[in-house]
Amino acid sequence: MKKVSIFLAEGFEEVEAMTPADLLRRAGAEVTLVAVGGRREVAGSHGIVITADRLFSEMDFSDTDLLVLPGGMPGTLHLKECQPLIELLKEFNENGKSLAAICAAPTVLGAAGLLNGRKAACYPGCEDGLTGAEVLTDRVVEDGNITTSRGVGTAIPFALSLISQLFSPQKAEEIRESIVYGHGPVKA
């Protein structure tokens, strides 16, 4: 079973956390919502309170396959301030394990020095935080073990990319079809 940890910090962007959590679970991953603060109840940037599965301090990440950072403000700033998380991200990167970040959260990877020589995307206006990266405006950018994406509007392709990488392109297509994503024109 593929194991994924999605990190929730006070002020996280709800769609960017819940969309990957939902779609990765549909694909068969064991997804753990991990609170980086001292409480399992974490308020998102739009006031939606999510109860995390575990506190960061309760986790053993040794068999985790993928770490996911949702964006949002001030959630991204709180992620950057969590030194144990930064150390974990560095350890995962050194071991070639998968990291993913969306919206403003790729700046956490940039601040940790993990984007040097990499291609990455982020929310418009956050590009200066992608230290050392070649900044792209693609909806989703995969570069080795690091996947980045631009924001709420790219949360579904971001999650499908992660499913494709963790499982297979066929599984991602199966999930895409099951949620009726990308079929025909969108009408009001």
Foldseek 3Di string as FASTA:
>chain_A
DAEEEEEWEAAFAVLLRVLLVVLVVVLPYHYFYEYADPAQWHAHNVGDTDRTPYYPVPDDCPRHQEYEYTHGPPGLVVCLVRVVNLVVVVVCVVVQGAYEYEALNCLSCLVSVNAAVEEEEHAPPNVVSNHNHDYDQDQWDDTRRYIYGYHSVSSLVSSLVVSCVVPRNVSSVVSCVVVVHPDDDDDD
